Amino acid sequence: MIVVRNSFIAKPGQASKLAAQLKEMAAAGQLKNHRVLTDVTGEFNQVVMEYEVESVTGFEEMFKKYTSDPQIREKAKGYTDLWSTGRRDLFRVM
């Protein structure tokens, strides 16, 4: 099992909007065990989306789906305008 963590630093005033849009994208993509988190401490305006895939190959398949599925692409429209930096980490569940 792999946990995928996408972390973003939203532009000021955009964290709630980004979190809502990530939730819509995750639902449209039927991401397994997804959750969207916002900061309580740490960097300001941080928004994290986590979900699970079975393997790194499963992640690659999910990534292809996200870049080609029209419904997901519609939900994702404009989300890159809401954040200034981001990163993706993949963690193996032990």
PDB file of N, CA and C in Angstrom:
ATOM      1  N   MET A   1       0.852  -1.175   0.000  1.00  0.00           N
ATOM      2  CA  MET A   1       0.000   0.000   0.000  1.00  0.00           C
ATOM      3  C   MET A   1       0.894   1.233   0.000  1.00  0.00           C
ATOM      4  N   ILE A   2       0.520   2.217  -0.804  1.00  0.00           N
ATOM      5  CA  ILE A   2       1.239   3.483  -0.919  1.00  0.00           C
ATOM      6  C   ILE A   2       0.284   4.613  -0.548  1.00  0.00           C
ATOM      7  N   VAL A   3       0.742   5.526   0.296  1.00  0.00           N
ATOM      8  CA  VAL A   3       0.005   6.758   0.590  1.00  0.00           C
ATOM      9  C   VAL A   3       0.635   7.859  -0.240  1.00  0.00           C
ATOM     10  N   VAL A   4      -0.190   8.535  -1.017  1.00  0.00           N
ATOM     11  CA  VAL A   4       0.252   9.666  -1.827  1.00  0.00           C
ATOM     12  C   VAL A   4      -0.155  10.933  -1.082  1.00  0.00           C
ATOM     13  N   ARG A   5       0.822  11.814  -0.874  1.00  0.00           N
ATOM     14  CA  ARG A   5       0.547  13.076  -0.182  1.00  0.00           C
ATOM     15  C   ARG A   5       0.945  14.230  -1.100  1.00  0.00           C
ATOM     16  N   ASN A   6      -0.040  15.002  -1.515  1.00  0.00           N
ATOM     17  CA  ASN A   6       0.187  16.214  -2.306  1.00  0.00           C
ATOM     18  C   ASN A   6       0.029  17.401  -1.368  1.00  0.00           C
ATOM     19  N   SER A   7       1.104  18.159  -1.188  1.00  0.00           N
ATOM     20  CA  SER A   7       1.094  19.305  -0.272  1.00  0.00           C
ATOM     21  C   SER A   7       1.226  20.591  -1.076  1.00  0.00           C
ATOM     22  N   PHE A   8       0.411  21.559  -0.739  1.00  0.00           N
ATOM     23  CA  PHE A   8       0.396  22.842  -1.437  1.00  0.00           C
ATOM     24  C   PHE A   8       0.491  23.973  -0.427  1.00  0.00           C
ATOM     25  N   ILE A   9       1.125  25.057  -0.823  1.00  0.00           N
ATOM     26  CA  ILE A   9       1.032  26.314  -0.089  1.00  0.00           C
ATOM     27  C   ILE A   9       0.147  27.209  -0.945  1.00  0.00           C
ATOM     28  N   ALA A  10      -1.057  27.433  -0.438  1.00  0.00           N
ATOM     29  CA  ALA A  10      -2.024  28.232  -1.184  1.00  0.00           C
ATOM     30  C   ALA A  10      -1.639  29.703  -1.148  1.00  0.00           C
ATOM     31  N   LYS A  11      -2.057  30.405  -2.166  1.00  0.00           N
ATOM     32  CA  LYS A  11      -1.890  31.852  -2.161  1.00  0.00           C
ATOM     33  C   LYS A  11      -2.757  32.421  -1.034  1.00  0.00           C
ATOM     34  N   PRO A  12      -2.357  33.553  -0.444  1.00  0.00           N
ATOM     35  CA  PRO A  12      -3.143  34.129   0.654  1.00  0.00           C
ATOM     36  C   PRO A  12      -4.620  34.278   0.288  1.00  0.00           C
ATOM     37  N   GLY A  13      -5.466  33.803   1.199  1.00  0.00           N
ATOM     38  CA  GLY A  13      -6.911  33.890   1.012  1.00  0.00           C
ATOM     39  C   GLY A  13      -7.504  32.799   0.134  1.00  0.00           C
ATOM     40  N   GLN A  14      -6.683  31.853  -0.344  1.00  0.00           N
ATOM     41  CA  GLN A  14      -7.175  30.837  -1.273  1.00  0.00           C
ATOM     42  C   GLN A  14      -7.190  29.416  -0.703  1.00  0.00           C
ATOM     43  N   ALA A  15      -6.745  29.225   0.546  1.00  0.00           N
ATOM     44  CA  ALA A  15      -6.631  27.876   1.109  1.00  0.00           C
ATOM     45  C   ALA A  15      -7.981  27.149   1.150  1.00  0.00           C
ATOM     46  N   SER A  16      -9.017  27.814   1.598  1.00  0.00           N
ATOM     47  CA  SER A  16     -10.337  27.166   1.685  1.00  0.00           C
ATOM     48  C   SER A  16     -10.860  26.792   0.307  1.00  0.00           C
ATOM     49  N   LYS A  17     -10.676  27.672  -0.648  1.00  0.00           N
ATOM     50  CA  LYS A  17     -11.118  27.403  -2.015  1.00  0.00           C
ATOM     51  C   LYS A  17     -10.331  26.231  -2.605  1.00  0.00           C
ATOM     52  N   LEU A  18      -9.011  26.201  -2.378  1.00  0.00           N
ATOM     53  CA  LEU A  18      -8.195  25.094  -2.868  1.00  0.00           C
ATOM     54  C   LEU A  18      -8.617  23.787  -2.217  1.00  0.00           C
ATOM     55  N   ALA A  19      -8.838  23.787  -0.914  1.00  0.00           N
ATOM     56  CA  ALA A  19      -9.264  22.572  -0.204  1.00  0.00           C
ATOM     57  C   ALA A  19     -10.583  22.048  -0.769  1.00  0.00           C
ATOM     58  N   ALA A  20     -11.535  22.932  -1.004  1.00  0.00           N
ATOM     59  CA  ALA A  20     -12.829  22.524  -1.556  1.00  0.00           C
ATOM     60  C   ALA A  20     -12.663  21.938  -2.954  1.00  0.00           C
ATOM     61  N   GLN A  21     -11.819  22.560  -3.767  1.00  0.00           N
ATOM     62  CA  GLN A  21     -11.624  22.064  -5.126  1.00  0.00           C
ATOM     63  C   GLN A  21     -10.908  20.713  -5.121  1.00  0.00           C
ATOM     64  N   LEU A  22      -9.930  20.520  -4.229  1.00  0.00           N
ATOM     65  CA  LEU A  22      -9.246  19.232  -4.130  1.00  0.00           C
ATOM     66  C   LEU A  22     -10.213  18.132  -3.703  1.00  0.00           C
ATOM     67  N   LYS A  23     -11.144  18.454  -2.796  1.00  0.00           N
ATOM     68  CA  LYS A  23     -12.152  17.468  -2.380  1.00  0.00           C
ATOM     69  C   LYS A  23     -13.028  17.065  -3.555  1.00  0.00           C
ATOM     70  N   GLU A  24     -13.418  18.020  -4.380  1.00  0.00           N
ATOM     71  CA  GLU A  24     -14.228  17.717  -5.563  1.00  0.00           C
ATOM     72  C   GLU A  24     -13.446  16.861  -6.558  1.00  0.00           C
ATOM     73  N   MET A  25     -12.166  17.180  -6.750  1.00  0.00           N
ATOM     74  CA  MET A  25     -11.331  16.409  -7.663  1.00  0.00           C
ATOM     75  C   MET A  25     -11.171  14.971  -7.163  1.00  0.00           C
ATOM     76  N   ALA A  26     -10.932  14.809  -5.867  1.00  0.00           N
ATOM     77  CA  ALA A  26     -10.752  13.474  -5.294  1.00  0.00           C
ATOM     78  C   ALA A  26     -12.026  12.648  -5.431  1.00  0.00           C
ATOM     79  N   ALA A  27     -13.166  13.272  -5.207  1.00  0.00           N
ATOM     80  CA  ALA A  27     -14.439  12.561  -5.347  1.00  0.00           C
ATOM     81  C   ALA A  27     -14.679  12.164  -6.798  1.00  0.00           C
ATOM     82  N   ALA A  28     -14.410  13.065  -7.732  1.00  0.00           N
ATOM     83  CA  ALA A  28     -14.597  12.754  -9.155  1.00  0.00           C
ATOM     84  C   ALA A  28     -13.670  11.630  -9.609  1.00  0.00           C
ATOM     85  N   GLY A  29     -12.456  11.603  -9.047  1.00  0.00           N
ATOM     86  CA  GLY A  29     -11.488  10.572  -9.418  1.00  0.00           C
ATOM     87  C   GLY A  29     -11.629   9.296  -8.613  1.00  0.00           C
ATOM     88  N   GLN A  30     -12.576   9.281  -7.671  1.00  0.00           N
ATOM     89  CA  GLN A  30     -12.830   8.114  -6.825  1.00  0.00           C
ATOM     90  C   GLN A  30     -11.545   7.643  -6.144  1.00  0.00           C
ATOM     91  N   LEU A  31     -10.820   8.601  -5.560  1.00  0.00           N
ATOM     92  CA  LEU A  31      -9.586   8.257  -4.872  1.00  0.00           C
ATOM     93  C   LEU A  31      -9.881   7.459  -3.610  1.00  0.00           C
ATOM     94  N   LYS A  32      -9.128   6.408  -3.409  1.00  0.00           N
ATOM     95  CA  LYS A  32      -9.329   5.513  -2.271  1.00  0.00           C
ATOM     96  C   LYS A  32      -8.831   6.182  -0.988  1.00  0.00           C
ATOM     97  N   ASN A  33      -9.703   6.189   0.023  1.00  0.00           N
ATOM     98  CA  ASN A  33      -9.371   6.718   1.350  1.00  0.00           C
ATOM     99  C   ASN A  33      -8.739   8.108   1.280  1.00  0.00           C
ATOM    100  N   HIS A  34      -9.347   8.984   0.513  1.00  0.00           N
ATOM    101  CA  HIS A  34      -8.785  10.328   0.392  1.00  0.00           C
ATOM    102  C   HIS A  34      -9.234  11.215   1.547  1.00  0.00           C
ATOM    103  N   ARG A  35      -8.391  12.200   1.813  1.00  0.00           N
ATOM    104  CA  ARG A  35      -8.746  13.229   2.781  1.00  0.00           C
ATOM    105  C   ARG A  35      -7.982  14.491   2.433  1.00  0.00           C
ATOM    106  N   VAL A  36      -8.576  15.615   2.770  1.00  0.00           N
ATOM    107  CA  VAL A  36      -7.972  16.922   2.532  1.00  0.00           C
ATOM    108  C   VAL A  36      -7.763  17.569   3.895  1.00  0.00           C
ATOM    109  N   LEU A  37      -6.554  18.047   4.121  1.00  0.00           N
ATOM    110  CA  LEU A  37      -6.170  18.617   5.406  1.00  0.00           C
ATOM    111  C   LEU A  37      -5.749  20.067   5.219  1.00  0.00           C
ATOM    112  N   THR A  38      -6.017  20.907   6.207  1.00  0.00           N
ATOM    113  CA  THR A  38      -5.525  22.291   6.189  1.00  0.00           C
ATOM    114  C   THR A  38      -4.718  22.524   7.460  1.00  0.00           C
ATOM    115  N   ASP A  39      -3.818  23.500   7.405  1.00  0.00           N
ATOM    116  CA  ASP A  39      -2.885  23.713   8.498  1.00  0.00           C
ATOM    117  C   ASP A  39      -3.570  24.192   9.771  1.00  0.00           C
ATOM    118  N   VAL A  40      -3.019  23.754  10.880  1.00  0.00           N
ATOM    119  CA  VAL A  40      -3.347  24.301  12.197  1.00  0.00           C
ATOM    120  C   VAL A  40      -2.081  24.973  12.726  1.00  0.00           C
ATOM    121  N   THR A  41      -0.941  24.320  12.488  1.00  0.00           N
ATOM    122  CA  THR A  41       0.368  24.890  12.791  1.00  0.00           C
ATOM    123  C   THR A  41       1.255  24.656  11.578  1.00  0.00           C
ATOM    124  N   GLY A  42       2.444  25.201  11.599  1.00  0.00           N
ATOM    125  CA  GLY A  42       3.370  25.019  10.484  1.00  0.00           C
ATOM    126  C   GLY A  42       3.238  26.160   9.492  1.00  0.00           C
ATOM    127  N   GLU A  43       3.551  25.856   8.242  1.00  0.00           N
ATOM    128  CA  GLU A  43       3.489  26.888   7.205  1.00  0.00           C
ATOM    129  C   GLU A  43       2.053  27.377   7.030  1.00  0.00           C
ATOM    130  N   PHE A  44       1.915  28.686   6.840  1.00  0.00           N
ATOM    131  CA  PHE A  44       0.595  29.254   6.616  1.00  0.00           C
ATOM    132  C   PHE A  44       0.042  28.800   5.280  1.00  0.00           C
ATOM    133  N   ASN A  45      -1.281  28.684   5.197  1.00  0.00           N
ATOM    134  CA  ASN A  45      -1.996  28.384   3.952  1.00  0.00           C
ATOM    135  C   ASN A  45      -1.643  27.029   3.360  1.00  0.00           C
ATOM    136  N   GLN A  46      -1.266  26.078   4.205  1.00  0.00           N
ATOM    137  CA  GLN A  46      -0.922  24.741   3.701  1.00  0.00           C
ATOM    138  C   GLN A  46      -2.182  23.896   3.564  1.00  0.00           C
ATOM    139  N   VAL A  47      -2.287  23.237   2.413  1.00  0.00           N
ATOM    140  CA  VAL A  47      -3.397  22.330   2.126  1.00  0.00           C
ATOM    141  C   VAL A  47      -2.784  21.023   1.646  1.00  0.00           C
ATOM    142  N   VAL A  48      -3.232  19.911   2.212  1.00  0.00           N
ATOM    143  CA  VAL A  48      -2.689  18.600   1.874  1.00  0.00           C
ATOM    144  C   VAL A  48      -3.831  17.697   1.419  1.00  0.00           C
ATOM    145  N   MET A  49      -3.598  16.970   0.336  1.00  0.00           N
ATOM    146  CA  MET A  49      -4.541  15.942  -0.109  1.00  0.00           C
ATOM    147  C   MET A  49      -3.806  14.607  -0.072  1.00  0.00           C
ATOM    148  N   GLU A  50      -4.351  13.670   0.687  1.00  0.00           N
ATOM    149  CA  GLU A  50      -3.778  12.336   0.782  1.00  0.00           C
ATOM    150  C   GLU A  50      -4.766  11.321   0.237  1.00  0.00           C
ATOM    151  N   TYR A  51      -4.226  10.260  -0.358  1.00  0.00           N
ATOM    152  CA  TYR A  51      -5.034   9.129  -0.794  1.00  0.00           C
ATOM    153  C   TYR A  51      -4.156   7.899  -0.893  1.00  0.00           C
ATOM    154  N   GLU A  52      -4.777   6.746  -1.078  1.00  0.00           N
ATOM    155  CA  GLU A  52      -4.051   5.482  -1.121  1.00  0.00           C
ATOM    156  C   GLU A  52      -4.140   4.847  -2.501  1.00  0.00           C
ATOM    157  N   VAL A  53      -3.046   4.198  -2.871  1.00  0.00           N
ATOM    158  CA  VAL A  53      -3.004   3.356  -4.070  1.00  0.00           C
ATOM    159  C   VAL A  53      -2.326   2.050  -3.662  1.00  0.00           C
ATOM    160  N   GLU A  54      -2.543   1.011  -4.442  1.00  0.00           N
ATOM    161  CA  GLU A  54      -1.978  -0.286  -4.100  1.00  0.00           C
ATOM    162  C   GLU A  54      -0.474  -0.353  -4.316  1.00  0.00           C
ATOM    163  N   SER A  55       0.032   0.384  -5.315  1.00  0.00           N
ATOM    164  CA  SER A  55       1.441   0.288  -5.679  1.00  0.00           C
ATOM    165  C   SER A  55       1.858   1.556  -6.421  1.00  0.00           C
ATOM    166  N   VAL A  56       3.149   1.666  -6.703  1.00  0.00           N
ATOM    167  CA  VAL A  56       3.632   2.791  -7.500  1.00  0.00           C
ATOM    168  C   VAL A  56       3.026   2.713  -8.906  1.00  0.00           C
ATOM    169  N   THR A  57       2.860   1.504  -9.414  1.00  0.00           N
ATOM    170  CA  THR A  57       2.192   1.333 -10.706  1.00  0.00           C
ATOM    171  C   THR A  57       0.760   1.852 -10.631  1.00  0.00           C
ATOM    172  N   GLY A  58       0.087   1.590  -9.516  1.00  0.00           N
ATOM    173  CA  GLY A  58      -1.262   2.114  -9.315  1.00  0.00           C
ATOM    174  C   GLY A  58      -1.286   3.628  -9.302  1.00  0.00           C
ATOM    175  N   PHE A  59      -0.241   4.236  -8.729  1.00  0.00           N
ATOM    176  CA  PHE A  59      -0.137   5.692  -8.751  1.00  0.00           C
ATOM    177  C   PHE A  59      -0.003   6.188 -10.185  1.00  0.00           C
ATOM    178  N   GLU A  60       0.847   5.542 -10.970  1.00  0.00           N
ATOM    179  CA  GLU A  60       1.037   5.952 -12.362  1.00  0.00           C
ATOM    180  C   GLU A  60      -0.268   5.845 -13.146  1.00  0.00           C
ATOM    181  N   GLU A  61      -1.042   4.788 -12.903  1.00  0.00           N
ATOM    182  CA  GLU A  61      -2.335   4.630 -13.568  1.00  0.00           C
ATOM    183  C   GLU A  61      -3.301   5.741 -13.147  1.00  0.00           C
ATOM    184  N   MET A  62      -3.312   6.056 -11.847  1.00  0.00           N
ATOM    185  CA  MET A  62      -4.185   7.116 -11.347  1.00  0.00           C
ATOM    186  C   MET A  62      -3.782   8.454 -11.959  1.00  0.00           C
ATOM    187  N   PHE A  63      -2.486   8.702 -12.076  1.00  0.00           N
ATOM    188  CA  PHE A  63      -2.000   9.956 -12.651  1.00  0.00           C
ATOM    189  C   PHE A  63      -2.446  10.080 -14.106  1.00  0.00           C
ATOM    190  N   LYS A  64      -2.376   9.005 -14.865  1.00  0.00           N
ATOM    191  CA  LYS A  64      -2.839   9.016 -16.261  1.00  0.00           C
ATOM    192  C   LYS A  64      -4.332   9.316 -16.326  1.00  0.00           C
ATOM    193  N   LYS A  65      -5.087   8.709 -15.411  1.00  0.00           N
ATOM    194  CA  LYS A  65      -6.534   8.954 -15.371  1.00  0.00           C
ATOM    195  C   LYS A  65      -6.816  10.430 -15.102  1.00  0.00           C
ATOM    196  N   TYR A  66      -6.098  11.017 -14.159  1.00  0.00           N
ATOM    197  CA  TYR A  66      -6.314  12.421 -13.808  1.00  0.00           C
ATOM    198  C   TYR A  66      -5.993  13.364 -14.951  1.00  0.00           C
ATOM    199  N   THR A  67      -5.060  12.991 -15.807  1.00  0.00           N
ATOM    200  CA  THR A  67      -4.701  13.879 -16.910  1.00  0.00           C
ATOM    201  C   THR A  67      -5.562  13.675 -18.142  1.00  0.00           C
ATOM    202  N   SER A  68      -6.383  12.614 -18.165  1.00  0.00           N
ATOM    203  CA  SER A  68      -7.162  12.341 -19.369  1.00  0.00           C
ATOM    204  C   SER A  68      -8.678  12.326 -19.160  1.00  0.00           C
ATOM    205  N   ASP A  69      -9.153  12.118 -17.960  1.00  0.00           N
ATOM    206  CA  ASP A  69     -10.589  12.019 -17.699  1.00  0.00           C
ATOM    207  C   ASP A  69     -11.236  13.404 -17.766  1.00  0.00           C
ATOM    208  N   PRO A  70     -12.204  13.613 -18.675  1.00  0.00           N
ATOM    209  CA  PRO A  70     -12.815  14.945 -18.838  1.00  0.00           C
ATOM    210  C   PRO A  70     -13.512  15.466 -17.573  1.00  0.00           C
ATOM    211  N   GLN A  71     -14.154  14.592 -16.814  1.00  0.00           N
ATOM    212  CA  GLN A  71     -14.859  15.017 -15.602  1.00  0.00           C
ATOM    213  C   GLN A  71     -13.859  15.528 -14.557  1.00  0.00           C
ATOM    214  N   ILE A  72     -12.758  14.809 -14.398  1.00  0.00           N
ATOM    215  CA  ILE A  72     -11.743  15.235 -13.433  1.00  0.00           C
ATOM    216  C   ILE A  72     -11.085  16.527 -13.900  1.00  0.00           C
ATOM    217  N   ARG A  73     -10.783  16.614 -15.183  1.00  0.00           N
ATOM    218  CA  ARG A  73     -10.153  17.818 -15.726  1.00  0.00           C
ATOM    219  C   ARG A  73     -11.050  19.041 -15.524  1.00  0.00           C
ATOM    220  N   GLU A  74     -12.357  18.861 -15.639  1.00  0.00           N
ATOM    221  CA  GLU A  74     -13.288  19.968 -15.420  1.00  0.00           C
ATOM    222  C   GLU A  74     -13.254  20.410 -13.955  1.00  0.00           C
ATOM    223  N   LYS A  75     -13.225  19.440 -13.022  1.00  0.00           N
ATOM    224  CA  LYS A  75     -13.152  19.770 -11.592  1.00  0.00           C
ATOM    225  C   LYS A  75     -11.826  20.436 -11.240  1.00  0.00           C
ATOM    226  N   ALA A  76     -10.767  20.119 -11.982  1.00  0.00           N
ATOM    227  CA  ALA A  76      -9.429  20.651 -11.705  1.00  0.00           C
ATOM    228  C   ALA A  76      -9.181  22.010 -12.352  1.00  0.00           C
ATOM    229  N   LYS A  77     -10.071  22.418 -13.205  1.00  0.00           N
ATOM    230  CA  LYS A  77      -9.857  23.660 -13.959  1.00  0.00           C
ATOM    231  C   LYS A  77      -9.565  24.831 -13.020  1.00  0.00           C
ATOM    232  N   GLY A  78      -8.411  25.469 -13.227  1.00  0.00           N
ATOM    233  CA  GLY A  78      -8.039  26.657 -12.473  1.00  0.00           C
ATOM    234  C   GLY A  78      -7.399  26.411 -11.121  1.00  0.00           C
ATOM    235  N   TYR A  79      -7.244  25.151 -10.705  1.00  0.00           N
ATOM    236  CA  TYR A  79      -6.714  24.923  -9.367  1.00  0.00           C
ATOM    237  C   TYR A  79      -5.250  25.364  -9.239  1.00  0.00           C
ATOM    238  N   THR A  80      -4.508  25.352 -10.318  1.00  0.00           N
ATOM    239  CA  THR A  80      -3.104  25.773 -10.246  1.00  0.00           C
ATOM    240  C   THR A  80      -2.975  27.274  -9.979  1.00  0.00           C
ATOM    241  N   ASP A  81      -4.037  28.023 -10.183  1.00  0.00           N
ATOM    242  CA  ASP A  81      -4.017  29.458  -9.885  1.00  0.00           C
ATOM    243  C   ASP A  81      -4.146  29.739  -8.390  1.00  0.00           C
ATOM    244  N   LEU A  82      -4.481  28.701  -7.605  1.00  0.00           N
ATOM    245  CA  LEU A  82      -4.765  28.887  -6.183  1.00  0.00           C
ATOM    246  C   LEU A  82      -3.560  28.650  -5.277  1.00  0.00           C
ATOM    247  N   TRP A  83      -2.472  28.111  -5.804  1.00  0.00           N
ATOM    248  CA  TRP A  83      -1.318  27.811  -4.968  1.00  0.00           C
ATOM    249  C   TRP A  83      -0.024  28.315  -5.603  1.00  0.00           C
ATOM    250  N   SER A  84       0.975  28.519  -4.739  1.00  0.00           N
ATOM    251  CA  SER A  84       2.253  29.034  -5.228  1.00  0.00           C
ATOM    252  C   SER A  84       3.337  27.971  -5.275  1.00  0.00           C
ATOM    253  N   THR A  85       3.336  27.025  -4.353  1.00  0.00           N
ATOM    254  CA  THR A  85       4.299  25.927  -4.374  1.00  0.00           C
ATOM    255  C   THR A  85       3.602  24.639  -3.973  1.00  0.00           C
ATOM    256  N   GLY A  86       4.220  23.542  -4.329  1.00  0.00           N
ATOM    257  CA  GLY A  86       3.662  22.249  -3.957  1.00  0.00           C
ATOM    258  C   GLY A  86       4.694  21.153  -4.097  1.00  0.00           C
ATOM    259  N   ARG A  87       4.342  20.003  -3.562  1.00  0.00           N
ATOM    260  CA  ARG A  87       5.200  18.824  -3.679  1.00  0.00           C
ATOM    261  C   ARG A  87       4.354  17.574  -3.546  1.00  0.00           C
ATOM    262  N   ARG A  88       4.912  16.469  -3.982  1.00  0.00           N
ATOM    263  CA  ARG A  88       4.234  15.181  -3.883  1.00  0.00           C
ATOM    264  C   ARG A  88       5.190  14.198  -3.245  1.00  0.00           C
ATOM    265  N   ASP A  89       4.690  13.470  -2.247  1.00  0.00           N
ATOM    266  CA  ASP A  89       5.459  12.404  -1.595  1.00  0.00           C
ATOM    267  C   ASP A  89       4.663  11.116  -1.668  1.00  0.00           C
ATOM    268  N   LEU A  90       5.355  10.021  -1.880  1.00  0.00           N
ATOM    269  CA  LEU A  90       4.756   8.698  -1.849  1.00  0.00           C
ATOM    270  C   LEU A  90       5.383   7.940  -0.684  1.00  0.00           C
ATOM    271  N   PHE A  91       4.540   7.349   0.170  1.00  0.00           N
ATOM    272  CA  PHE A  91       4.996   6.623   1.335  1.00  0.00           C
ATOM    273  C   PHE A  91       4.481   5.189   1.286  1.00  0.00           C
ATOM    274  N   ARG A  92       5.372   4.241   1.568  1.00  0.00           N
ATOM    275  CA  ARG A  92       4.976   2.831   1.658  1.00  0.00           C
ATOM    276  C   ARG A  92       4.447   2.589   3.070  1.00  0.00           C
ATOM    277  N   VAL A  93       3.273   2.000   3.188  1.00  0.00           N
ATOM    278  CA  VAL A  93       2.694   1.673   4.490  1.00  0.00           C
ATOM    279  C   VAL A  93       3.302   0.351   4.950  1.00  0.00           C
ATOM    280  N   MET A  94       3.860   0.347   6.122  1.00  0.00           N
ATOM    281  CA  MET A  94       4.529  -0.852   6.666  1.00  0.00           C
ATOM    282  C   MET A  94       3.623  -1.581   7.635  1.00  0.00           C
TER     283      MET A  94
END
